[in-house]
PDB file of N, CA and C in Angstrom:
ATOM      1  N   UNK A   1      99.394 102.425  97.464  1.00  0.00           N
ATOM      2  CA  UNK A   1     100.823 102.557  97.328  1.00  0.00           C
ATOM      3  C   UNK A   1     101.340 103.578  98.344  1.00  0.00           C
ATOM      4  N   UNK A   2     102.458 103.269  98.976  1.00  0.00           N
ATOM      5  CA  UNK A   2     103.009 104.116 100.020  1.00  0.00           C
ATOM      6  C   UNK A   2     103.733 105.327  99.426  1.00  0.00           C
ATOM      7  N   UNK A   3     103.521 106.481 100.034  1.00  0.00           N
ATOM      8  CA  UNK A   3     104.153 107.733  99.599  1.00  0.00           C
ATOM      9  C   UNK A   3     105.638 107.731  99.984  1.00  0.00           C
ATOM     10  N   UNK A   4     106.506 108.123  99.063  1.00  0.00           N
ATOM     11  CA  UNK A   4     107.946 108.199  99.322  1.00  0.00           C
ATOM     12  C   UNK A   4     108.226 109.512 100.042  1.00  0.00           C
ATOM     13  N   UNK A   5     108.981 109.467 101.163  1.00  0.00           N
ATOM     14  CA  UNK A   5     109.288 110.706 101.903  1.00  0.00           C
ATOM     15  C   UNK A   5     110.053 111.713 101.032  1.00  0.00           C
ATOM     16  N   UNK A   6     109.828 112.979 101.291  1.00  0.00           N
ATOM     17  CA  UNK A   6     110.447 114.057 100.502  1.00  0.00           C
ATOM     18  C   UNK A   6     111.965 114.005 100.561  1.00  0.00           C
ATOM     19  N   UNK A   7     112.535 113.746 101.738  1.00  0.00           N
ATOM     20  CA  UNK A   7     113.996 113.718 101.856  1.00  0.00           C
ATOM     21  C   UNK A   7     114.578 112.590 101.009  1.00  0.00           C
ATOM     22  N   UNK A   8     113.861 111.477 100.915  1.00  0.00           N
ATOM     23  CA  UNK A   8     114.327 110.366 100.088  1.00  0.00           C
ATOM     24  C   UNK A   8     114.270 110.731  98.604  1.00  0.00           C
ATOM     25  N   UNK A   9     113.284 111.490  98.218  1.00  0.00           N
ATOM     26  CA  UNK A   9     113.201 111.961  96.827  1.00  0.00           C
ATOM     27  C   UNK A   9     114.349 112.909  96.505  1.00  0.00           C
ATOM     28  N   UNK A  10     114.643 113.798  97.435  1.00  0.00           N
ATOM     29  CA  UNK A  10     115.735 114.761  97.222  1.00  0.00           C
ATOM     30  C   UNK A  10     117.074 114.044  97.119  1.00  0.00           C
ATOM     31  N   UNK A  11     117.320 113.101  98.027  1.00  0.00           N
ATOM     32  CA  UNK A  11     118.576 112.350  98.003  1.00  0.00           C
ATOM     33  C   UNK A  11     118.681 111.500  96.746  1.00  0.00           C
ATOM     34  N   UNK A  12     117.553 110.981  96.267  1.00  0.00           N
ATOM     35  CA  UNK A  12     117.554 110.177  95.043  1.00  0.00           C
ATOM     36  C   UNK A  12     117.953 111.011  93.834  1.00  0.00           C
ATOM     37  N   UNK A  13     117.835 112.314  93.926  1.00  0.00           N
ATOM     38  CA  UNK A  13     118.271 113.212  92.849  1.00  0.00           C
ATOM     39  C   UNK A  13     119.701 113.688  93.084  1.00  0.00           C
ATOM     40  N   UNK A  14     120.008 114.102  94.315  1.00  0.00           N
ATOM     41  CA  UNK A  14     121.315 114.706  94.592  1.00  0.00           C
ATOM     42  C   UNK A  14     122.472 113.703  94.598  1.00  0.00           C
ATOM     43  N   UNK A  15     122.252 112.497  95.120  1.00  0.00           N
ATOM     44  CA  UNK A  15     123.360 111.549  95.235  1.00  0.00           C
ATOM     45  C   UNK A  15     123.874 111.079  93.873  1.00  0.00           C
ATOM     46  N   UNK A  16     123.015 110.600  92.966  1.00  0.00           N
ATOM     47  CA  UNK A  16     123.548 110.207  91.651  1.00  0.00           C
ATOM     48  C   UNK A  16     124.150 111.383  90.873  1.00  0.00           C
ATOM     49  N   UNK A  17     123.560 112.564  91.018  1.00  0.00           N
ATOM     50  CA  UNK A  17     124.112 113.724  90.313  1.00  0.00           C
ATOM     51  C   UNK A  17     125.466 114.123  90.896  1.00  0.00           C
ATOM     52  N   UNK A  18     125.661 113.934  92.201  1.00  0.00           N
ATOM     53  CA  UNK A  18     126.955 114.202  92.834  1.00  0.00           C
ATOM     54  C   UNK A  18     128.023 113.267  92.274  1.00  0.00           C
ATOM     55  N   UNK A  19     127.702 111.981  92.196  1.00  0.00           N
ATOM     56  CA  UNK A  19     128.665 111.012  91.674  1.00  0.00           C
ATOM     57  C   UNK A  19     128.983 111.282  90.209  1.00  0.00           C
ATOM     58  N   UNK A  20     127.960 111.571  89.429  1.00  0.00           N
ATOM     59  CA  UNK A  20     128.156 111.835  88.013  1.00  0.00           C
ATOM     60  C   UNK A  20     128.973 113.112  87.797  1.00  0.00           C
ATOM     61  N   UNK A  21     128.724 114.133  88.591  1.00  0.00           N
ATOM     62  CA  UNK A  21     129.483 115.376  88.429  1.00  0.00           C
ATOM     63  C   UNK A  21     130.938 115.191  88.837  1.00  0.00           C
ATOM     64  N   UNK A  22     131.198 114.331  89.803  1.00  0.00           N
ATOM     65  CA  UNK A  22     132.587 114.032  90.162  1.00  0.00           C
ATOM     66  C   UNK A  22     133.326 113.384  89.006  1.00  0.00           C
ATOM     67  N   UNK A  23     132.687 112.431  88.368  1.00  0.00           N
ATOM     68  CA  UNK A  23     133.291 111.769  87.209  1.00  0.00           C
ATOM     69  C   UNK A  23     133.462 112.755  86.051  1.00  0.00           C
ATOM     70  N   UNK A  24     132.449 113.577  85.810  1.00  0.00           N
ATOM     71  CA  UNK A  24     132.528 114.559  84.725  1.00  0.00           C
ATOM     72  C   UNK A  24     133.647 115.566  84.966  1.00  0.00           C
ATOM     73  N   UNK A  25     133.821 115.984  86.213  1.00  0.00           N
ATOM     74  CA  UNK A  25     134.880 116.935  86.551  1.00  0.00           C
ATOM     75  C   UNK A  25     136.251 116.332  86.278  1.00  0.00           C
ATOM     76  N   UNK A  26     136.440 115.096  86.712  1.00  0.00           N
ATOM     77  CA  UNK A  26     137.725 114.422  86.487  1.00  0.00           C
ATOM     78  C   UNK A  26     138.002 114.294  84.992  1.00  0.00           C
ATOM     79  N   UNK A  27     137.019 113.834  84.238  1.00  0.00           N
ATOM     80  CA  UNK A  27     137.219 113.653  82.799  1.00  0.00           C
ATOM     81  C   UNK A  27     137.451 114.978  82.077  1.00  0.00           C
ATOM     82  N   UNK A  28     136.688 116.001  82.430  1.00  0.00           N
ATOM     83  CA  UNK A  28     136.827 117.295  81.765  1.00  0.00           C
ATOM     84  C   UNK A  28     138.193 117.923  82.041  1.00  0.00           C
ATOM     85  N   UNK A  29     138.600 117.935  83.318  1.00  0.00           N
ATOM     86  CA  UNK A  29     139.852 118.599  83.659  1.00  0.00           C
ATOM     87  C   UNK A  29     141.071 117.721  83.391  1.00  0.00           C
ATOM     88  N   UNK A  30     140.864 116.470  83.034  1.00  0.00           N
ATOM     89  CA  UNK A  30     141.966 115.667  82.522  1.00  0.00           C
ATOM     90  C   UNK A  30     142.295 116.104  81.096  1.00  0.00           C
ATOM     91  N   UNK A  31     141.262 116.481  80.365  1.00  0.00           N
ATOM     92  CA  UNK A  31     141.459 116.899  78.975  1.00  0.00           C
ATOM     93  C   UNK A  31     141.795 118.383  78.832  1.00  0.00           C
ATOM     94  N   UNK A  32     141.304 119.214  79.758  1.00  0.00           N
ATOM     95  CA  UNK A  32     141.467 120.666  79.635  1.00  0.00           C
ATOM     96  C   UNK A  32     142.090 121.247  80.899  1.00  0.00           C
ATOM     97  N   UNK A  33     143.108 122.083  80.716  1.00  0.00           N
ATOM     98  CA  UNK A  33     143.747 122.779  81.833  1.00  0.00           C
ATOM     99  C   UNK A  33     142.950 124.050  82.130  1.00  0.00           C
ATOM    100  N   UNK A  34     142.485 124.235  83.365  1.00  0.00           N
ATOM    101  CA  UNK A  34     141.669 125.415  83.664  1.00  0.00           C
ATOM    102  C   UNK A  34     142.399 126.732  83.443  1.00  0.00           C
ATOM    103  N   UNK A  35     143.689 126.762  83.637  1.00  0.00           N
ATOM    104  CA  UNK A  35     144.412 128.023  83.427  1.00  0.00           C
ATOM    105  C   UNK A  35     144.463 128.389  81.943  1.00  0.00           C
ATOM    106  N   UNK A  36     144.493 127.411  81.069  1.00  0.00           N
ATOM    107  CA  UNK A  36     144.453 127.696  79.627  1.00  0.00           C
ATOM    108  C   UNK A  36     143.049 128.121  79.208  1.00  0.00           C
ATOM    109  N   UNK A  37     142.033 127.547  79.837  1.00  0.00           N
ATOM    110  CA  UNK A  37     140.654 127.922  79.508  1.00  0.00           C
ATOM    111  C   UNK A  37     140.336 129.350  79.937  1.00  0.00           C
ATOM    112  N   UNK A  38     140.910 129.774  81.059  1.00  0.00           N
ATOM    113  CA  UNK A  38     140.584 131.086  81.623  1.00  0.00           C
ATOM    114  C   UNK A  38     141.595 132.168  81.251  1.00  0.00           C
ATOM    115  N   UNK A  39     142.586 131.832  80.473  1.00  0.00           N
ATOM    116  CA  UNK A  39     143.694 132.749  80.190  1.00  0.00           C
ATOM    117  C   UNK A  39     143.235 134.091  79.618  1.00  0.00           C
ATOM    118  N   UNK A  40     142.301 134.094  78.703  1.00  0.00           N
ATOM    119  CA  UNK A  40     141.893 135.325  78.029  1.00  0.00           C
ATOM    120  C   UNK A  40     140.536 135.832  78.503  1.00  0.00           C
ATOM    121  N   UNK A  41     140.164 135.489  79.716  1.00  0.00           N
ATOM    122  CA  UNK A  41     138.892 135.936  80.273  1.00  0.00           C
ATOM    123  C   UNK A  41     139.146 136.851  81.457  1.00  0.00           C
ATOM    124  N   UNK A  42     138.060 137.377  82.022  1.00  0.00           N
ATOM    125  CA  UNK A  42     138.173 138.212  83.221  1.00  0.00           C
ATOM    126  C   UNK A  42     138.468 137.386  84.471  1.00  0.00           C
ATOM    127  N   UNK A  43     138.435 136.061  84.342  1.00  0.00           N
ATOM    128  CA  UNK A  43     138.635 135.180  85.498  1.00  0.00           C
ATOM    129  C   UNK A  43     140.015 134.541  85.497  1.00  0.00           C
ATOM    130  N   UNK A  44     140.974 135.151  84.842  1.00  0.00           N
ATOM    131  CA  UNK A  44     142.312 134.573  84.696  1.00  0.00           C
ATOM    132  C   UNK A  44     143.039 134.439  86.029  1.00  0.00           C
ATOM    133  N   UNK A  45     142.651 135.209  87.034  1.00  0.00           N
ATOM    134  CA  UNK A  45     143.347 135.153  88.317  1.00  0.00           C
ATOM    135  C   UNK A  45     142.865 134.021  89.228  1.00  0.00           C
ATOM    136  N   UNK A  46     141.868 133.262  88.797  1.00  0.00           N
ATOM    137  CA  UNK A  46     141.367 132.137  89.594  1.00  0.00           C
ATOM    138  C   UNK A  46     142.390 131.010  89.552  1.00  0.00           C
ATOM    139  N   UNK A  47     142.668 130.427  90.713  1.00  0.00           N
ATOM    140  CA  UNK A  47     143.626 129.331  90.793  1.00  0.00           C
ATOM    141  C   UNK A  47     143.044 128.065  90.164  1.00  0.00           C
ATOM    142  N   UNK A  48     143.903 127.092  89.952  1.00  0.00           N
ATOM    143  CA  UNK A  48     143.437 125.810  89.419  1.00  0.00           C
ATOM    144  C   UNK A  48     142.414 125.173  90.360  1.00  0.00           C
ATOM    145  N   UNK A  49     142.718 125.193  91.648  1.00  0.00           N
ATOM    146  CA  UNK A  49     141.797 124.600  92.624  1.00  0.00           C
ATOM    147  C   UNK A  49     140.449 125.311  92.600  1.00  0.00           C
ATOM    148  N   UNK A  50     140.466 126.625  92.472  1.00  0.00           N
ATOM    149  CA  UNK A  50     139.223 127.384  92.371  1.00  0.00           C
ATOM    150  C   UNK A  50     138.436 127.011  91.125  1.00  0.00           C
ATOM    151  N   UNK A  51     139.147 126.838  90.010  1.00  0.00           N
ATOM    152  CA  UNK A  51     138.487 126.448  88.763  1.00  0.00           C
ATOM    153  C   UNK A  51     137.920 125.038  88.872  1.00  0.00           C
ATOM    154  N   UNK A  52     138.652 124.128  89.518  1.00  0.00           N
ATOM    155  CA  UNK A  52     138.132 122.772  89.730  1.00  0.00           C
ATOM    156  C   UNK A  52     136.868 122.802  90.571  1.00  0.00           C
ATOM    157  N   UNK A  53     136.872 123.626  91.596  1.00  0.00           N
ATOM    158  CA  UNK A  53     135.709 123.733  92.479  1.00  0.00           C
ATOM    159  C   UNK A  53     134.504 124.297  91.737  1.00  0.00           C
ATOM    160  N   UNK A  54     134.715 125.376  91.019  1.00  0.00           N
ATOM    161  CA  UNK A  54     133.621 125.982  90.250  1.00  0.00           C
ATOM    162  C   UNK A  54     133.112 125.000  89.192  1.00  0.00           C
ATOM    163  N   UNK A  55     134.030 124.326  88.528  1.00  0.00           N
ATOM    164  CA  UNK A  55     133.642 123.338  87.521  1.00  0.00           C
ATOM    165  C   UNK A  55     132.821 122.213  88.119  1.00  0.00           C
ATOM    166  N   UNK A  56     133.250 121.719  89.297  1.00  0.00           N
ATOM    167  CA  UNK A  56     132.494 120.654  89.946  1.00  0.00           C
ATOM    168  C   UNK A  56     131.074 121.102  90.261  1.00  0.00           C
ATOM    169  N   UNK A  57     130.913 122.283  90.832  1.00  0.00           N
ATOM    170  CA  UNK A  57     129.576 122.749  91.187  1.00  0.00           C
ATOM    171  C   UNK A  57     128.716 123.044  89.947  1.00  0.00           C
ATOM    172  N   UNK A  58     129.329 123.492  88.874  1.00  0.00           N
ATOM    173  CA  UNK A  58     128.569 123.675  87.631  1.00  0.00           C
ATOM    174  C   UNK A  58     128.114 122.333  87.069  1.00  0.00           C
ATOM    175  N   UNK A  59     129.014 121.339  87.080  1.00  0.00           N
ATOM    176  CA  UNK A  59     128.613 120.003  86.645  1.00  0.00           C
ATOM    177  C   UNK A  59     127.538 119.428  87.563  1.00  0.00           C
ATOM    178  N   UNK A  60     127.658 119.677  88.867  1.00  0.00           N
ATOM    179  CA  UNK A  60     126.664 119.161  89.813  1.00  0.00           C
ATOM    180  C   UNK A  60     125.302 119.812  89.554  1.00  0.00           C
ATOM    181  N   UNK A  61     125.301 121.109  89.289  1.00  0.00           N
ATOM    182  CA  UNK A  61     124.046 121.790  88.993  1.00  0.00           C
ATOM    183  C   UNK A  61     123.417 121.213  87.715  1.00  0.00           C
ATOM    184  N   UNK A  62     124.218 121.009  86.681  1.00  0.00           N
ATOM    185  CA  UNK A  62     123.717 120.457  85.434  1.00  0.00           C
ATOM    186  C   UNK A  62     123.153 119.044  85.634  1.00  0.00           C
ATOM    187  N   UNK A  63     123.894 118.193  86.321  1.00  0.00           N
ATOM    188  CA  UNK A  63     123.423 116.822  86.515  1.00  0.00           C
ATOM    189  C   UNK A  63     122.257 116.741  87.487  1.00  0.00           C
ATOM    190  N   UNK A  64     122.148 117.683  88.415  1.00  0.00           N
ATOM    191  CA  UNK A  64     120.986 117.726  89.302  1.00  0.00           C
ATOM    192  C   UNK A  64     119.725 118.061  88.511  1.00  0.00           C
ATOM    193  N   UNK A  65     119.842 119.023  87.619  1.00  0.00           N
ATOM    194  CA  UNK A  65     118.686 119.390  86.793  1.00  0.00           C
ATOM    195  C   UNK A  65     118.260 118.209  85.921  1.00  0.00           C
ATOM    196  N   UNK A  66     119.216 117.527  85.308  1.00  0.00           N
ATOM    197  CA  UNK A  66     118.853 116.403  84.468  1.00  0.00           C
ATOM    198  C   UNK A  66     118.265 115.251  85.272  1.00  0.00           C
ATOM    199  N   UNK A  67     118.781 115.006  86.477  1.00  0.00           N
ATOM    200  CA  UNK A  67     118.218 113.958  87.337  1.00  0.00           C
ATOM    201  C   UNK A  67     116.806 114.319  87.783  1.00  0.00           C
ATOM    202  N   UNK A  68     116.604 115.574  88.129  1.00  0.00           N
ATOM    203  CA  UNK A  68     115.272 116.016  88.558  1.00  0.00           C
ATOM    204  C   UNK A  68     114.274 115.916  87.409  1.00  0.00           C
ATOM    205  N   UNK A  69     114.692 116.279  86.212  1.00  0.00           N
ATOM    206  CA  UNK A  69     113.795 116.158  85.057  1.00  0.00           C
ATOM    207  C   UNK A  69     113.467 114.698  84.759  1.00  0.00           C
ATOM    208  N   UNK A  70     114.440 113.823  84.920  1.00  0.00           N
ATOM    209  CA  UNK A  70     114.183 112.401  84.732  1.00  0.00           C
ATOM    210  C   UNK A  70     113.145 111.902  85.724  1.00  0.00           C
ATOM    211  N   UNK A  71     113.295 112.282  86.985  1.00  0.00           N
ATOM    212  CA  UNK A  71     112.316 111.873  88.001  1.00  0.00           C
ATOM    213  C   UNK A  71     110.941 112.469  87.724  1.00  0.00           C
ATOM    214  N   UNK A  72     110.907 113.686  87.261  1.00  0.00           N
ATOM    215  CA  UNK A  72     109.632 114.334  86.969  1.00  0.00           C
ATOM    216  C   UNK A  72     108.912 113.648  85.816  1.00  0.00           C
ATOM    217  N   UNK A  73     109.649 113.351  84.750  1.00  0.00           N
ATOM    218  CA  UNK A  73     109.017 112.791  83.561  1.00  0.00           C
ATOM    219  C   UNK A  73     108.717 111.294  83.667  1.00  0.00           C
ATOM    220  N   UNK A  74     109.228 110.620  84.682  1.00  0.00           N
ATOM    221  CA  UNK A  74     108.901 109.210  84.843  1.00  0.00           C
ATOM    222  C   UNK A  74     107.594 109.009  85.597  1.00  0.00           C
ATOM    223  N   UNK A  75     107.054 110.075  86.177  1.00  0.00           N
ATOM    224  CA  UNK A  75     105.767 109.968  86.873  1.00  0.00           C
ATOM    225  C   UNK A  75     104.654 109.748  85.865  1.00  0.00           C
ATOM    226  N   UNK A  76     103.646 108.975  86.238  1.00  0.00           N
ATOM    227  CA  UNK A  76     102.537 108.763  85.311  1.00  0.00           C
ATOM    228  C   UNK A  76     101.707 110.043  85.163  1.00  0.00           C
ATOM    229  N   UNK A  77     101.103 110.203  83.992  1.00  0.00           N
ATOM    230  CA  UNK A  77     100.256 111.356  83.749  1.00  0.00           C
ATOM    231  C   UNK A  77      98.961 111.226  84.559  1.00  0.00           C
ATOM    232  N   UNK A  78      98.385 112.349  84.872  1.00  0.00           N
ATOM    233  CA  UNK A  78      97.111 112.363  85.578  1.00  0.00           C
ATOM    234  C   UNK A  78      96.021 111.920  84.621  1.00  0.00           C
ATOM    235  N   UNK A  79      95.263 110.901  85.010  1.00  0.00           N
ATOM    236  CA  UNK A  79      94.229 110.360  84.119  1.00  0.00           C
ATOM    237  C   UNK A  79      93.088 111.340  83.905  1.00  0.00           C
ATOM    238  N   UNK A  80      92.923 112.328  84.784  1.00  0.00           N
ATOM    239  CA  UNK A  80      91.859 113.315  84.630  1.00  0.00           C
ATOM    240  C   UNK A  80      92.118 114.254  83.451  1.00  0.00           C
ATOM    241  N   UNK A  81      93.390 114.393  83.057  1.00  0.00           N
ATOM    242  CA  UNK A  81      93.741 115.285  81.945  1.00  0.00           C
ATOM    243  C   UNK A  81      93.563 114.628  80.588  1.00  0.00           C
ATOM    244  N   UNK A  82      93.306 113.335  80.550  1.00  0.00           N
ATOM    245  CA  UNK A  82      93.170 112.632  79.263  1.00  0.00           C
ATOM    246  C   UNK A  82      91.809 112.782  78.669  1.00  0.00           C
TER     247      UNK A  82
END
């Protein structure tokens, strides 16, 4: 069986997580206004655009971790450990 290049493995994790985080960001900020969420915190001075950006990257980080775990756990177990 041919080995999959490392860059292809990385893109296979980052691209779907990027798309999913974009959708999650839209859905989350459609329901919640970032200025209302941050009103009583130390981050109240962050603009809406800043909150959208931070939210997108947090969603991207979360979906990247879940995509990477999915790829990790779909690999077959090493038969030597059985």
